[in-house]
Amino acid sequence: MLIIVTFNINESALNFDDTSQMLDVYEEYFENQFLQDTQEFYQLESTTYLQKHSVIEYLLKVYSDLF
């Protein structure tokens, strides 16, 4: 899976003193929302799967997806 992130921020207009400020921008504008969306996606995915399959089948699916 390829994820491309684009910020509509003029980097030359920003005056970053250190990389921690850049990390703050990343976390605020991308990471937090990405993690929340990922959590919601997998919660829905697992709930949907468990409605049609047993817990054992679900655990086998999770295990197989890891490898």
N, C-alpha and C. Protein backbone atom coordinates (compact mmCIF):
# COMPACT_ATOMS: atom_id res chain seq x y z
N MET A 1 0.85 -1.16 0.00
CA MET A 1 0.00 0.00 0.00
C MET A 1 0.90 1.23 0.00
N LEU A 2 0.59 2.16 -0.85
CA LEU A 2 1.34 3.41 -0.95
C LEU A 2 0.48 4.54 -0.44
N ILE A 3 1.02 5.29 0.50
CA ILE A 3 0.31 6.44 1.05
C ILE A 3 1.11 7.69 0.74
N ILE A 4 0.48 8.63 0.09
CA ILE A 4 1.13 9.88 -0.24
C ILE A 4 0.47 10.98 0.57
N VAL A 5 1.29 11.74 1.25
CA VAL A 5 0.78 12.81 2.10
C VAL A 5 1.27 14.13 1.54
N THR A 6 0.34 15.04 1.38
CA THR A 6 0.70 16.37 0.90
C THR A 6 0.14 17.39 1.87
N PHE A 7 1.01 18.26 2.33
CA PHE A 7 0.59 19.37 3.18
C PHE A 7 0.57 20.62 2.32
N ASN A 8 -0.47 21.38 2.43
CA ASN A 8 -0.54 22.66 1.72
C ASN A 8 0.06 23.74 2.60
N ILE A 9 1.34 23.56 2.89
CA ILE A 9 2.06 24.48 3.76
C ILE A 9 3.28 24.96 3.00
N ASN A 10 3.46 26.25 2.96
CA ASN A 10 4.62 26.83 2.32
C ASN A 10 5.80 26.68 3.27
N GLU A 11 6.69 25.72 2.98
CA GLU A 11 7.78 25.43 3.90
C GLU A 11 8.71 26.62 4.09
N SER A 12 8.89 27.43 3.05
CA SER A 12 9.78 28.57 3.19
C SER A 12 9.19 29.62 4.12
N ALA A 13 7.87 29.62 4.26
CA ALA A 13 7.23 30.58 5.16
C ALA A 13 7.31 30.13 6.61
N LEU A 14 7.55 28.83 6.80
CA LEU A 14 7.67 28.32 8.16
C LEU A 14 9.11 28.48 8.62
N ASN A 15 9.27 28.80 9.85
CA ASN A 15 10.60 28.98 10.41
C ASN A 15 10.80 27.94 11.50
N PHE A 16 11.18 26.73 11.10
CA PHE A 16 11.37 25.66 12.06
C PHE A 16 12.71 25.80 12.75
N ASP A 17 12.68 25.86 14.08
CA ASP A 17 13.91 25.93 14.84
C ASP A 17 14.58 24.57 14.91
N ASP A 18 13.78 23.53 14.94
CA ASP A 18 14.32 22.18 15.01
C ASP A 18 13.32 21.19 14.43
N THR A 19 13.72 19.96 14.36
CA THR A 19 12.85 18.95 13.76
C THR A 19 11.63 18.65 14.61
N SER A 20 11.67 18.96 15.88
CA SER A 20 10.50 18.68 16.73
C SER A 20 9.29 19.50 16.28
N GLN A 21 9.52 20.70 15.78
CA GLN A 21 8.40 21.50 15.28
C GLN A 21 7.82 20.86 14.02
N MET A 22 8.68 20.31 13.17
CA MET A 22 8.19 19.62 11.98
C MET A 22 7.38 18.39 12.38
N LEU A 23 7.84 17.71 13.41
CA LEU A 23 7.12 16.54 13.90
C LEU A 23 5.75 16.95 14.44
N ASP A 24 5.68 18.09 15.11
CA ASP A 24 4.39 18.58 15.61
C ASP A 24 3.41 18.80 14.47
N VAL A 25 3.89 19.36 13.35
CA VAL A 25 3.03 19.59 12.18
C VAL A 25 2.55 18.25 11.62
N TYR A 26 3.47 17.28 11.51
CA TYR A 26 3.11 15.95 11.03
C TYR A 26 2.04 15.33 11.91
N GLU A 27 2.25 15.38 13.22
CA GLU A 27 1.29 14.78 14.15
C GLU A 27 -0.06 15.47 14.08
N GLU A 28 -0.06 16.79 14.05
CA GLU A 28 -1.31 17.54 14.07
C GLU A 28 -2.11 17.38 12.79
N TYR A 29 -1.45 17.42 11.65
CA TYR A 29 -2.16 17.44 10.38
C TYR A 29 -2.31 16.07 9.73
N PHE A 30 -1.57 15.06 10.19
CA PHE A 30 -1.68 13.76 9.55
C PHE A 30 -1.82 12.60 10.54
N GLU A 31 -0.84 12.42 11.39
CA GLU A 31 -0.76 11.20 12.19
C GLU A 31 -1.99 10.95 13.05
N ASN A 32 -2.45 11.94 13.78
CA ASN A 32 -3.58 11.73 14.69
C ASN A 32 -4.83 11.28 13.94
N GLN A 33 -5.15 11.94 12.85
CA GLN A 33 -6.33 11.56 12.07
C GLN A 33 -6.14 10.20 11.40
N PHE A 34 -4.94 9.94 10.91
CA PHE A 34 -4.65 8.66 10.28
C PHE A 34 -4.84 7.50 11.26
N LEU A 35 -4.34 7.65 12.48
CA LEU A 35 -4.49 6.60 13.48
C LEU A 35 -5.95 6.40 13.87
N GLN A 36 -6.68 7.48 13.99
CA GLN A 36 -8.11 7.37 14.32
C GLN A 36 -8.86 6.67 13.19
N ASP A 37 -8.60 7.06 11.95
CA ASP A 37 -9.27 6.42 10.81
C ASP A 37 -8.90 4.95 10.70
N THR A 38 -7.65 4.62 10.97
CA THR A 38 -7.21 3.23 10.92
C THR A 38 -7.91 2.40 11.98
N GLN A 39 -8.02 2.94 13.17
CA GLN A 39 -8.72 2.24 14.25
C GLN A 39 -10.18 1.99 13.87
N GLU A 40 -10.85 3.00 13.36
CA GLU A 40 -12.26 2.85 12.97
C GLU A 40 -12.41 1.83 11.85
N PHE A 41 -11.50 1.84 10.89
CA PHE A 41 -11.57 0.89 9.79
C PHE A 41 -11.48 -0.55 10.29
N TYR A 42 -10.48 -0.83 11.14
CA TYR A 42 -10.29 -2.20 11.60
C TYR A 42 -11.36 -2.63 12.60
N GLN A 43 -11.91 -1.70 13.34
CA GLN A 43 -13.04 -2.06 14.21
C GLN A 43 -14.24 -2.49 13.37
N LEU A 44 -14.53 -1.74 12.33
CA LEU A 44 -15.64 -2.11 11.44
C LEU A 44 -15.35 -3.41 10.72
N GLU A 45 -14.13 -3.56 10.25
CA GLU A 45 -13.72 -4.78 9.54
C GLU A 45 -13.88 -6.01 10.44
N SER A 46 -13.41 -5.94 11.66
CA SER A 46 -13.50 -7.09 12.55
C SER A 46 -14.95 -7.37 12.96
N THR A 47 -15.71 -6.34 13.22
CA THR A 47 -17.12 -6.52 13.59
C THR A 47 -17.88 -7.19 12.46
N THR A 48 -17.66 -6.72 11.25
CA THR A 48 -18.33 -7.29 10.09
C THR A 48 -17.94 -8.75 9.88
N TYR A 49 -16.65 -9.03 10.02
CA TYR A 49 -16.18 -10.40 9.83
C TYR A 49 -16.76 -11.34 10.89
N LEU A 50 -16.80 -10.87 12.13
CA LEU A 50 -17.30 -11.71 13.22
C LEU A 50 -18.80 -11.96 13.15
N GLN A 51 -19.53 -11.14 12.41
CA GLN A 51 -20.96 -11.38 12.24
C GLN A 51 -21.22 -12.61 11.37
N LYS A 52 -20.25 -12.97 10.54
CA LYS A 52 -20.44 -14.08 9.60
C LYS A 52 -19.54 -15.27 9.89
N HIS A 53 -18.57 -15.10 10.80
CA HIS A 53 -17.60 -16.16 11.06
C HIS A 53 -17.44 -16.36 12.57
N SER A 54 -16.87 -17.49 12.91
CA SER A 54 -16.63 -17.79 14.32
C SER A 54 -15.38 -17.05 14.80
N VAL A 55 -15.22 -17.03 16.11
CA VAL A 55 -14.05 -16.38 16.69
C VAL A 55 -12.77 -17.11 16.27
N ILE A 56 -12.83 -18.42 16.21
CA ILE A 56 -11.67 -19.20 15.78
C ILE A 56 -11.28 -18.84 14.35
N GLU A 57 -12.27 -18.73 13.47
CA GLU A 57 -11.98 -18.32 12.09
C GLU A 57 -11.38 -16.92 12.04
N TYR A 58 -11.89 -16.05 12.90
CA TYR A 58 -11.35 -14.69 12.96
C TYR A 58 -9.89 -14.70 13.42
N LEU A 59 -9.60 -15.46 14.45
CA LEU A 59 -8.23 -15.53 14.94
C LEU A 59 -7.29 -16.13 13.90
N LEU A 60 -7.77 -17.12 13.16
CA LEU A 60 -6.95 -17.68 12.09
C LEU A 60 -6.70 -16.65 10.99
N LYS A 61 -7.71 -15.86 10.70
CA LYS A 61 -7.54 -14.79 9.69
C LYS A 61 -6.52 -13.76 10.16
N VAL A 62 -6.63 -13.35 11.41
CA VAL A 62 -5.68 -12.38 11.95
C VAL A 62 -4.27 -12.94 11.89
N TYR A 63 -4.11 -14.17 12.28
CA TYR A 63 -2.80 -14.81 12.26
C TYR A 63 -2.26 -14.88 10.83
N SER A 64 -3.08 -15.29 9.90
CA SER A 64 -2.61 -15.40 8.51
C SER A 64 -2.30 -14.05 7.90
N ASP A 65 -3.00 -13.01 8.32
CA ASP A 65 -2.73 -11.66 7.81
C ASP A 65 -1.40 -11.12 8.33
N LEU A 66 -0.95 -11.63 9.45
CA LEU A 66 0.33 -11.17 9.99
C LEU A 66 1.51 -11.71 9.20
N PHE A 67 1.31 -12.85 8.53
CA PHE A 67 2.42 -13.47 7.82
C PHE A 67 2.12 -13.58 6.40
